[in-house]
N, C-alpha and C. Protein backbone atom coordinates (compact mmCIF):
# COMPACT_ATOMS: atom_id res chain seq x y z
N MET A 1 114.27 185.65 55.83
CA MET A 1 114.06 187.07 56.00
C MET A 1 113.95 187.77 54.65
N ILE A 2 114.75 187.37 53.71
CA ILE A 2 114.69 187.96 52.37
C ILE A 2 113.33 187.67 51.75
N ALA A 3 112.82 186.45 51.97
CA ALA A 3 111.52 186.08 51.41
C ALA A 3 110.41 186.94 52.01
N VAL A 4 110.48 187.23 53.29
CA VAL A 4 109.48 188.06 53.96
C VAL A 4 109.51 189.48 53.39
N ASN A 5 110.72 190.04 53.24
CA ASN A 5 110.84 191.39 52.68
C ASN A 5 110.29 191.44 51.25
N PHE A 6 110.60 190.40 50.46
CA PHE A 6 110.10 190.35 49.09
C PHE A 6 108.57 190.30 49.09
N ALA A 7 108.00 189.46 49.97
CA ALA A 7 106.54 189.32 50.04
C ALA A 7 105.89 190.64 50.44
N LEU A 8 106.49 191.33 51.38
CA LEU A 8 105.94 192.62 51.80
C LEU A 8 105.96 193.63 50.66
N LYS A 9 107.11 193.70 49.96
CA LYS A 9 107.21 194.63 48.84
C LYS A 9 106.23 194.26 47.74
N ARG A 10 106.06 192.97 47.50
CA ARG A 10 105.15 192.51 46.46
C ARG A 10 103.71 192.87 46.84
N ASN A 11 103.33 192.67 48.12
CA ASN A 11 101.98 193.02 48.56
C ASN A 11 101.75 194.52 48.49
N GLN A 12 102.77 195.29 48.80
CA GLN A 12 102.62 196.74 48.70
C GLN A 12 102.39 197.14 47.25
N PHE A 13 103.11 196.47 46.35
CA PHE A 13 102.93 196.77 44.93
C PHE A 13 101.49 196.49 44.51
N TRP A 14 100.97 195.29 44.85
CA TRP A 14 99.61 194.93 44.46
C TRP A 14 98.58 195.84 45.13
N PHE A 15 98.85 196.21 46.37
CA PHE A 15 97.96 197.12 47.07
C PHE A 15 97.87 198.45 46.33
N LEU A 16 99.04 199.00 45.96
CA LEU A 16 99.05 200.28 45.24
C LEU A 16 98.46 200.14 43.84
N PHE A 17 98.68 198.97 43.22
CA PHE A 17 98.15 198.73 41.88
C PHE A 17 96.62 198.75 41.89
N PHE A 18 96.03 198.04 42.86
CA PHE A 18 94.57 197.96 42.91
C PHE A 18 93.93 199.21 43.50
N MET A 19 94.68 200.02 44.19
CA MET A 19 94.13 201.22 44.81
C MET A 19 94.26 202.46 43.92
N ARG A 20 94.59 202.28 42.66
CA ARG A 20 94.70 203.41 41.75
C ARG A 20 93.31 203.98 41.47
N LYS A 21 93.27 205.29 41.32
CA LYS A 21 92.02 205.96 40.98
C LYS A 21 92.19 206.59 39.60
N GLY A 22 91.54 206.03 38.62
CA GLY A 22 91.61 206.61 37.28
C GLY A 22 93.01 206.75 36.74
N GLY A 23 93.89 205.82 37.06
CA GLY A 23 95.25 205.84 36.56
C GLY A 23 96.22 206.67 37.38
N GLU A 24 95.74 207.37 38.42
CA GLU A 24 96.67 208.15 39.22
C GLU A 24 97.07 207.38 40.48
N LYS A 25 98.17 207.79 41.08
CA LYS A 25 98.67 207.11 42.26
C LYS A 25 97.73 207.32 43.45
N VAL A 26 97.85 206.40 44.42
CA VAL A 26 97.04 206.49 45.63
C VAL A 26 97.55 207.64 46.49
N ASN A 27 96.64 208.40 47.01
CA ASN A 27 96.98 209.47 47.93
C ASN A 27 97.18 208.86 49.32
N LEU A 28 98.42 208.87 49.80
CA LEU A 28 98.71 208.25 51.09
C LEU A 28 98.00 208.98 52.23
N GLN A 29 97.67 210.26 52.06
CA GLN A 29 96.91 210.99 53.08
C GLN A 29 95.52 210.38 53.22
N THR A 30 94.93 209.95 52.09
CA THR A 30 93.62 209.32 52.12
C THR A 30 93.68 208.03 52.91
N ILE A 31 94.73 207.27 52.72
CA ILE A 31 94.89 206.04 53.48
C ILE A 31 94.98 206.36 54.96
N SER A 32 95.70 207.40 55.30
CA SER A 32 95.81 207.81 56.69
C SER A 32 94.45 208.20 57.25
N ASN A 33 93.66 208.93 56.48
CA ASN A 33 92.32 209.31 56.92
C ASN A 33 91.42 208.08 57.06
N THR A 34 91.60 207.12 56.17
CA THR A 34 90.84 205.88 56.26
C THR A 34 91.19 205.15 57.55
N LYS A 35 92.46 205.13 57.92
CA LYS A 35 92.86 204.51 59.18
C LYS A 35 92.23 205.23 60.36
N LYS A 36 92.21 206.56 60.30
CA LYS A 36 91.61 207.34 61.39
C LYS A 36 90.12 207.03 61.52
N LEU A 37 89.44 206.99 60.39
CA LEU A 37 88.01 206.69 60.43
C LEU A 37 87.74 205.28 60.92
N THR A 38 88.57 204.34 60.49
CA THR A 38 88.41 202.96 60.94
C THR A 38 88.65 202.86 62.43
N ARG A 39 89.72 203.49 62.91
CA ARG A 39 90.02 203.48 64.34
C ARG A 39 88.88 204.13 65.13
N SER A 40 88.35 205.21 64.61
CA SER A 40 87.24 205.88 65.27
C SER A 40 86.03 204.97 65.37
N ALA A 41 85.73 204.27 64.28
CA ALA A 41 84.58 203.36 64.28
C ALA A 41 84.77 202.23 65.29
N ILE A 42 85.99 201.73 65.38
CA ILE A 42 86.28 200.65 66.33
C ILE A 42 86.12 201.15 67.76
N VAL A 43 86.65 202.34 68.05
CA VAL A 43 86.53 202.91 69.40
C VAL A 43 85.08 203.18 69.74
N MET A 44 84.33 203.73 68.78
CA MET A 44 82.91 204.00 69.02
C MET A 44 82.15 202.70 69.29
N ALA A 45 82.42 201.68 68.50
CA ALA A 45 81.76 200.39 68.71
C ALA A 45 82.12 199.81 70.07
N LEU A 46 83.38 199.90 70.44
CA LEU A 46 83.82 199.40 71.74
C LEU A 46 83.11 200.14 72.87
N TYR A 47 83.01 201.46 72.75
CA TYR A 47 82.33 202.27 73.76
C TYR A 47 80.88 201.82 73.91
N ILE A 48 80.19 201.68 72.79
CA ILE A 48 78.76 201.31 72.83
C ILE A 48 78.58 199.90 73.37
N VAL A 49 79.43 198.97 72.97
CA VAL A 49 79.34 197.60 73.48
C VAL A 49 79.60 197.59 74.99
N LEU A 50 80.62 198.34 75.45
CA LEU A 50 80.88 198.42 76.90
C LEU A 50 79.67 199.00 77.64
N MET A 51 79.04 200.01 77.06
CA MET A 51 77.85 200.57 77.69
C MET A 51 76.72 199.55 77.74
N TYR A 52 76.57 198.79 76.67
CA TYR A 52 75.53 197.77 76.64
C TYR A 52 75.77 196.71 77.72
N LEU A 53 77.02 196.26 77.81
CA LEU A 53 77.34 195.20 78.77
C LEU A 53 77.30 195.68 80.22
N THR A 54 77.49 196.97 80.43
CA THR A 54 77.55 197.48 81.81
C THR A 54 76.36 198.39 82.15
N GLN A 55 75.34 198.40 81.30
CA GLN A 55 74.24 199.33 81.53
C GLN A 55 73.51 199.09 82.85
N TRP A 56 73.57 197.90 83.38
CA TRP A 56 72.87 197.62 84.64
C TRP A 56 73.46 198.39 85.81
N PHE A 57 74.72 198.82 85.72
CA PHE A 57 75.27 199.68 86.77
C PHE A 57 75.78 201.02 86.23
N ALA A 58 75.62 201.25 84.94
CA ALA A 58 76.08 202.50 84.34
C ALA A 58 75.01 203.60 84.39
N PHE A 59 73.78 203.24 84.67
CA PHE A 59 72.71 204.21 84.67
C PHE A 59 71.99 204.29 86.01
N GLY A 60 72.62 203.85 87.08
CA GLY A 60 71.98 203.87 88.39
C GLY A 60 72.21 205.18 89.12
N ALA A 61 71.89 205.15 90.43
CA ALA A 61 72.07 206.35 91.26
C ALA A 61 73.55 206.74 91.30
N ILE A 62 74.42 205.76 91.49
CA ILE A 62 75.86 205.98 91.36
C ILE A 62 76.26 205.30 90.07
N GLN A 63 76.48 206.10 89.04
CA GLN A 63 76.74 205.57 87.71
C GLN A 63 78.22 205.24 87.54
N ILE A 64 78.52 203.97 87.43
CA ILE A 64 79.89 203.55 87.14
C ILE A 64 79.93 203.24 85.65
N ARG A 65 80.32 204.24 84.89
CA ARG A 65 80.33 204.11 83.43
C ARG A 65 81.74 203.75 82.96
N VAL A 66 82.02 202.46 82.96
CA VAL A 66 83.34 201.95 82.58
C VAL A 66 83.73 202.44 81.19
N ALA A 67 82.77 202.58 80.31
CA ALA A 67 83.05 203.02 78.94
C ALA A 67 83.71 204.39 78.90
N THR A 68 83.44 205.24 79.90
CA THR A 68 84.04 206.58 79.87
C THR A 68 85.55 206.53 80.10
N SER A 69 86.07 205.40 80.54
CA SER A 69 87.52 205.28 80.65
C SER A 69 88.16 205.35 79.26
N LEU A 70 87.39 205.05 78.22
CA LEU A 70 87.91 205.12 76.85
C LEU A 70 88.20 206.55 76.41
N TYR A 71 87.67 207.54 77.12
CA TYR A 71 88.02 208.93 76.80
C TYR A 71 89.53 209.12 76.85
N ALA A 72 90.20 208.31 77.64
CA ALA A 72 91.65 208.40 77.76
C ALA A 72 92.36 208.17 76.43
N LEU A 73 91.71 207.51 75.49
CA LEU A 73 92.33 207.27 74.18
C LEU A 73 92.60 208.56 73.42
N ALA A 74 91.88 209.62 73.75
CA ALA A 74 92.15 210.92 73.13
C ALA A 74 93.54 211.42 73.50
N TYR A 75 94.12 210.89 74.54
CA TYR A 75 95.49 211.22 74.94
C TYR A 75 96.45 210.93 73.79
N PHE A 76 96.19 209.85 73.06
CA PHE A 76 97.06 209.43 71.97
C PHE A 76 96.69 210.07 70.64
N ASP A 77 95.41 210.38 70.45
CA ASP A 77 94.97 210.82 69.13
C ASP A 77 93.83 211.82 69.25
N PRO A 78 94.09 213.10 68.94
CA PRO A 78 93.02 214.10 69.05
C PRO A 78 91.88 213.85 68.07
N PHE A 79 92.12 213.06 67.05
CA PHE A 79 91.06 212.74 66.09
C PHE A 79 89.91 212.00 66.79
N LEU A 80 90.17 211.35 67.92
CA LEU A 80 89.15 210.58 68.62
C LEU A 80 88.24 211.44 69.50
N ILE A 81 88.53 212.72 69.64
CA ILE A 81 87.73 213.58 70.53
C ILE A 81 86.26 213.58 70.11
N ILE A 82 85.98 213.87 68.88
CA ILE A 82 84.59 213.93 68.40
C ILE A 82 83.94 212.54 68.40
N PRO A 83 84.60 211.49 67.90
CA PRO A 83 83.97 210.16 67.95
C PRO A 83 83.64 209.69 69.37
N LEU A 84 84.46 210.05 70.33
CA LEU A 84 84.15 209.66 71.71
C LEU A 84 82.91 210.39 72.22
N GLY A 85 82.76 211.65 71.84
CA GLY A 85 81.54 212.37 72.20
C GLY A 85 80.31 211.77 71.52
N ILE A 86 80.47 211.42 70.24
CA ILE A 86 79.36 210.78 69.51
C ILE A 86 79.02 209.44 70.13
N SER A 87 80.02 208.72 70.61
CA SER A 87 79.78 207.43 71.28
C SER A 87 78.89 207.60 72.50
N ASN A 88 79.18 208.64 73.29
CA ASN A 88 78.36 208.91 74.46
C ASN A 88 76.95 209.27 74.02
N LEU A 89 76.84 210.12 73.02
CA LEU A 89 75.53 210.52 72.49
C LEU A 89 74.73 209.29 72.05
N LEU A 90 75.37 208.40 71.31
CA LEU A 90 74.68 207.20 70.82
C LEU A 90 74.30 206.26 71.95
N SER A 91 75.19 206.07 72.91
CA SER A 91 74.86 205.16 74.01
C SER A 91 73.72 205.72 74.86
N ASN A 92 73.67 207.04 75.04
CA ASN A 92 72.54 207.64 75.76
C ASN A 92 71.26 207.52 74.94
N THR A 93 71.37 207.54 73.63
CA THR A 93 70.20 207.36 72.76
C THR A 93 69.67 205.93 72.88
N PHE A 94 70.58 204.96 72.82
CA PHE A 94 70.18 203.55 72.83
C PHE A 94 69.76 203.05 74.21
N PHE A 95 70.46 203.49 75.25
CA PHE A 95 70.27 202.89 76.57
C PHE A 95 69.79 203.84 77.66
N GLY A 96 69.91 205.16 77.44
CA GLY A 96 69.66 206.12 78.50
C GLY A 96 68.19 206.36 78.81
N GLY A 97 67.41 206.71 77.83
CA GLY A 97 66.00 206.91 78.02
C GLY A 97 65.59 208.20 78.72
N LEU A 98 66.50 209.17 78.84
CA LEU A 98 66.15 210.41 79.52
C LEU A 98 65.97 211.59 78.56
N GLY A 99 65.92 211.32 77.29
CA GLY A 99 65.57 212.35 76.34
C GLY A 99 66.71 213.17 75.79
N PRO A 100 66.34 214.25 75.07
CA PRO A 100 67.33 215.04 74.32
C PRO A 100 68.39 215.72 75.18
N PHE A 101 68.03 216.19 76.38
CA PHE A 101 69.05 216.83 77.23
C PHE A 101 70.16 215.86 77.57
N ASP A 102 69.79 214.62 77.91
CA ASP A 102 70.79 213.62 78.26
C ASP A 102 71.58 213.18 77.04
N ILE A 103 70.92 213.08 75.91
CA ILE A 103 71.59 212.63 74.68
C ILE A 103 72.60 213.68 74.21
N ILE A 104 72.14 214.91 74.01
CA ILE A 104 73.02 215.98 73.52
C ILE A 104 74.04 216.37 74.59
N GLY A 105 73.59 216.49 75.82
CA GLY A 105 74.50 216.83 76.92
C GLY A 105 75.60 215.80 77.08
N GLY A 106 75.25 214.51 76.96
CA GLY A 106 76.25 213.45 77.04
C GLY A 106 77.30 213.57 75.95
N GLY A 107 76.86 213.93 74.75
CA GLY A 107 77.81 214.13 73.65
C GLY A 107 78.76 215.28 73.93
N ILE A 108 78.22 216.38 74.45
CA ILE A 108 79.05 217.54 74.77
C ILE A 108 80.03 217.21 75.89
N VAL A 109 79.56 216.49 76.90
CA VAL A 109 80.45 216.09 78.00
C VAL A 109 81.55 215.17 77.49
N GLY A 110 81.21 214.24 76.59
CA GLY A 110 82.22 213.34 76.03
C GLY A 110 83.29 214.09 75.25
N ILE A 111 82.87 215.05 74.44
CA ILE A 111 83.82 215.85 73.67
C ILE A 111 84.70 216.69 74.59
N THR A 112 84.08 217.32 75.58
CA THR A 112 84.83 218.17 76.51
C THR A 112 85.85 217.36 77.31
N THR A 113 85.41 216.21 77.82
CA THR A 113 86.32 215.36 78.60
C THR A 113 87.50 214.91 77.74
N SER A 114 87.20 214.43 76.54
CA SER A 114 88.26 213.96 75.63
C SER A 114 89.22 215.08 75.27
N LEU A 115 88.69 216.28 75.06
CA LEU A 115 89.53 217.43 74.73
C LEU A 115 90.50 217.74 75.88
N PHE A 116 90.01 217.74 77.10
CA PHE A 116 90.89 218.01 78.24
C PHE A 116 91.96 216.93 78.39
N ILE A 117 91.61 215.71 78.08
CA ILE A 117 92.61 214.62 78.16
C ILE A 117 93.68 214.83 77.10
N TYR A 118 93.28 215.22 75.90
CA TYR A 118 94.28 215.50 74.87
C TYR A 118 95.19 216.66 75.29
N LEU A 119 94.61 217.69 75.91
CA LEU A 119 95.41 218.84 76.36
C LEU A 119 96.42 218.44 77.43
N ILE A 120 96.07 217.48 78.26
CA ILE A 120 97.02 216.97 79.25
C ILE A 120 98.24 216.39 78.53
N HIS A 121 97.99 215.66 77.45
CA HIS A 121 99.10 215.11 76.66
C HIS A 121 99.88 216.22 75.96
N LYS A 122 99.16 217.13 75.33
CA LYS A 122 99.81 218.18 74.55
C LYS A 122 100.73 219.04 75.40
N PHE A 123 100.30 219.36 76.61
CA PHE A 123 101.11 220.21 77.48
C PHE A 123 102.00 219.41 78.44
N LYS A 124 102.10 218.09 78.16
CA LYS A 124 103.01 217.21 78.90
C LYS A 124 102.78 217.27 80.42
N ILE A 125 101.53 217.22 80.80
CA ILE A 125 101.16 217.18 82.21
C ILE A 125 101.17 215.72 82.65
N ASN A 126 101.39 215.46 83.90
CA ASN A 126 101.47 214.11 84.45
C ASN A 126 100.27 213.26 84.01
N LYS A 127 100.55 212.04 83.51
CA LYS A 127 99.52 211.14 83.01
C LYS A 127 98.47 210.81 84.07
N TRP A 128 98.87 210.78 85.32
CA TRP A 128 97.91 210.44 86.38
C TRP A 128 96.78 211.45 86.46
N LEU A 129 97.00 212.66 85.96
CA LEU A 129 95.96 213.68 86.02
C LEU A 129 94.86 213.47 84.97
N VAL A 130 95.03 212.48 84.10
CA VAL A 130 93.97 212.13 83.15
C VAL A 130 92.70 211.71 83.90
N ALA A 131 92.85 211.18 85.07
CA ALA A 131 91.68 210.75 85.85
C ALA A 131 90.78 211.93 86.22
N ILE A 132 91.35 213.11 86.38
CA ILE A 132 90.56 214.26 86.85
C ILE A 132 89.46 214.65 85.86
N PRO A 133 89.75 214.84 84.56
CA PRO A 133 88.64 215.15 83.65
C PRO A 133 87.61 214.03 83.56
N ILE A 134 88.08 212.77 83.60
CA ILE A 134 87.15 211.64 83.52
C ILE A 134 86.22 211.61 84.73
N ILE A 135 86.72 212.04 85.87
CA ILE A 135 85.90 212.06 87.09
C ILE A 135 85.04 213.32 87.16
N LEU A 136 85.67 214.49 86.99
CA LEU A 136 84.97 215.74 87.28
C LEU A 136 84.05 216.25 86.17
N ILE A 137 84.45 216.14 84.92
CA ILE A 137 83.62 216.72 83.86
C ILE A 137 82.28 215.99 83.75
N PRO A 138 82.27 214.65 83.65
CA PRO A 138 80.96 213.99 83.68
C PRO A 138 80.25 214.15 85.03
N GLY A 139 81.01 214.07 86.11
CA GLY A 139 80.39 214.17 87.44
C GLY A 139 79.70 215.49 87.69
N LEU A 140 80.35 216.57 87.31
CA LEU A 140 79.77 217.90 87.53
C LEU A 140 78.85 218.32 86.39
N GLY A 141 79.20 217.93 85.16
CA GLY A 141 78.42 218.35 83.99
C GLY A 141 77.09 217.62 83.85
N VAL A 142 77.12 216.32 83.90
CA VAL A 142 75.90 215.52 83.73
C VAL A 142 74.92 215.81 84.86
N SER A 143 75.44 216.13 86.03
CA SER A 143 74.58 216.42 87.19
C SER A 143 73.67 217.61 86.94
N ILE A 144 74.07 218.51 86.06
CA ILE A 144 73.26 219.71 85.80
C ILE A 144 71.88 219.31 85.30
N TRP A 145 71.82 218.49 84.25
CA TRP A 145 70.50 218.14 83.73
C TRP A 145 69.87 216.96 84.44
N LEU A 146 70.68 216.02 84.95
CA LEU A 146 70.08 214.90 85.66
C LEU A 146 69.39 215.36 86.94
N SER A 147 69.96 216.33 87.63
CA SER A 147 69.32 216.83 88.86
C SER A 147 67.97 217.46 88.53
N LEU A 148 67.89 218.13 87.38
CA LEU A 148 66.62 218.73 86.96
C LEU A 148 65.62 217.67 86.49
N LEU A 149 66.10 216.75 85.66
CA LEU A 149 65.21 215.71 85.13
C LEU A 149 64.70 214.76 86.21
N LEU A 150 65.56 214.41 87.16
CA LEU A 150 65.19 213.45 88.20
C LEU A 150 64.72 214.10 89.49
N LYS A 151 64.76 215.44 89.50
CA LYS A 151 64.33 216.22 90.67
C LYS A 151 65.09 215.81 91.95
N ILE A 152 66.41 215.74 91.78
CA ILE A 152 67.33 215.44 92.89
C ILE A 152 68.24 216.65 93.03
N PRO A 153 68.51 217.10 94.25
CA PRO A 153 69.40 218.27 94.41
C PRO A 153 70.74 218.04 93.71
N TYR A 154 71.25 219.13 93.10
CA TYR A 154 72.49 219.07 92.33
C TYR A 154 73.65 218.50 93.15
N ALA A 155 73.82 218.93 94.38
CA ALA A 155 74.95 218.48 95.21
C ALA A 155 74.92 216.97 95.42
N ILE A 156 73.75 216.42 95.64
CA ILE A 156 73.64 214.96 95.84
C ILE A 156 73.94 214.24 94.53
N MET A 157 73.37 214.74 93.43
CA MET A 157 73.59 214.11 92.14
C MET A 157 75.07 214.18 91.75
N ALA A 158 75.69 215.34 91.93
CA ALA A 158 77.11 215.49 91.58
C ALA A 158 77.98 214.57 92.43
N THR A 159 77.68 214.47 93.70
CA THR A 159 78.46 213.58 94.58
C THR A 159 78.36 212.14 94.11
N ASN A 160 77.14 211.70 93.79
CA ASN A 160 76.95 210.32 93.32
C ASN A 160 77.69 210.07 92.01
N LEU A 161 77.59 211.00 91.08
CA LEU A 161 78.24 210.79 89.79
C LEU A 161 79.77 210.85 89.91
N ILE A 162 80.27 211.73 90.73
CA ILE A 162 81.72 211.80 90.93
C ILE A 162 82.23 210.51 91.56
N LEU A 163 81.51 209.99 92.55
CA LEU A 163 81.91 208.72 93.15
C LEU A 163 81.92 207.60 92.11
N GLY A 164 80.91 207.59 91.25
CA GLY A 164 80.83 206.56 90.21
C GLY A 164 81.91 206.68 89.15
N GLN A 165 82.44 207.87 88.95
CA GLN A 165 83.45 208.08 87.92
C GLN A 165 84.88 207.80 88.42
N ILE A 166 85.07 207.54 89.69
CA ILE A 166 86.42 207.27 90.20
C ILE A 166 87.01 206.03 89.54
N ILE A 167 86.24 204.96 89.44
CA ILE A 167 86.74 203.72 88.82
C ILE A 167 87.09 203.95 87.35
N PRO A 168 86.19 204.55 86.53
CA PRO A 168 86.59 204.83 85.15
C PRO A 168 87.79 205.77 85.04
N GLY A 169 87.93 206.72 85.96
CA GLY A 169 89.09 207.60 85.96
C GLY A 169 90.39 206.84 86.13
N ILE A 170 90.39 205.92 87.09
CA ILE A 170 91.59 205.10 87.32
C ILE A 170 91.84 204.18 86.13
N LEU A 171 90.78 203.58 85.59
CA LEU A 171 90.93 202.71 84.42
C LEU A 171 91.47 203.48 83.21
N GLY A 172 91.05 204.73 83.06
CA GLY A 172 91.55 205.56 81.96
C GLY A 172 93.04 205.80 82.07
N VAL A 173 93.50 206.08 83.29
CA VAL A 173 94.95 206.29 83.51
C VAL A 173 95.70 205.00 83.20
N LEU A 174 95.20 203.88 83.68
CA LEU A 174 95.86 202.59 83.43
C LEU A 174 95.89 202.28 81.93
N LEU A 175 94.84 202.68 81.24
CA LEU A 175 94.78 202.45 79.80
C LEU A 175 95.92 203.16 79.08
N ILE A 176 96.15 204.43 79.41
CA ILE A 176 97.23 205.14 78.71
C ILE A 176 98.61 204.75 79.21
N LYS A 177 98.70 204.29 80.45
CA LYS A 177 100.01 203.89 80.96
C LYS A 177 100.47 202.55 80.39
N PHE A 178 99.52 201.67 80.08
CA PHE A 178 99.90 200.33 79.67
C PHE A 178 99.64 200.01 78.21
N LEU A 179 99.08 200.95 77.45
CA LEU A 179 98.96 200.72 76.02
C LEU A 179 100.34 200.79 75.39
N PRO A 180 100.57 200.04 74.35
CA PRO A 180 101.89 200.06 73.71
C PRO A 180 102.25 201.46 73.20
N ALA A 181 103.53 201.73 73.20
CA ALA A 181 104.03 203.02 72.70
C ALA A 181 103.69 203.20 71.22
N LYS A 182 103.45 202.11 70.51
CA LYS A 182 103.12 202.21 69.08
C LYS A 182 101.82 202.94 68.85
N MET A 183 100.97 203.01 69.86
CA MET A 183 99.71 203.72 69.71
C MET A 183 99.97 205.18 69.33
N LYS A 184 101.05 205.74 69.86
CA LYS A 184 101.41 207.13 69.55
C LYS A 184 101.80 207.29 68.09
N GLU A 185 102.38 206.24 67.51
CA GLU A 185 102.86 206.30 66.15
C GLU A 185 101.73 206.19 65.13
N VAL A 186 100.63 205.56 65.51
CA VAL A 186 99.54 205.30 64.58
C VAL A 186 98.62 206.50 64.56
N HIS A 187 98.74 207.32 63.56
CA HIS A 187 97.85 208.48 63.42
C HIS A 187 97.16 208.38 62.14
């Protein structure tokens, strides 16, 4: 145990030694921001990969977009709100094919959904209610432009999208219920 502690302290020393900028000490806030950016990049990549792997049923009449369950991660870290919206924007760019309304609208829906999930955490509302923004915001929001673009009545489109978002809503709740408590500590 003593050897492990010594090794950790020694590695921290070398880390700080090599991370000096012009002879000044490392700004630990910068390291924290680097962790946030890295975490954001990983979440964005995971979202896009999930969309790629599930695109055969994520863009149908009843869209089951499993990747939207990742919006639940904003529950732990508000820094992820914007990256999750950008993830939706990018996945609609790469895989959607419905043009600027779907691309920009998807980004706005992703940001809005993630923001509501964070607010559920901030105001200490029951975790099970995380499913509601994941189901309703994309279901009701995306239907606005998809009904116009696809010339399908809004009520039918909204019903189909809401039905498709039930599974991601449940997965989002399970994600925050079963992720380790350490996720809260990592900011």
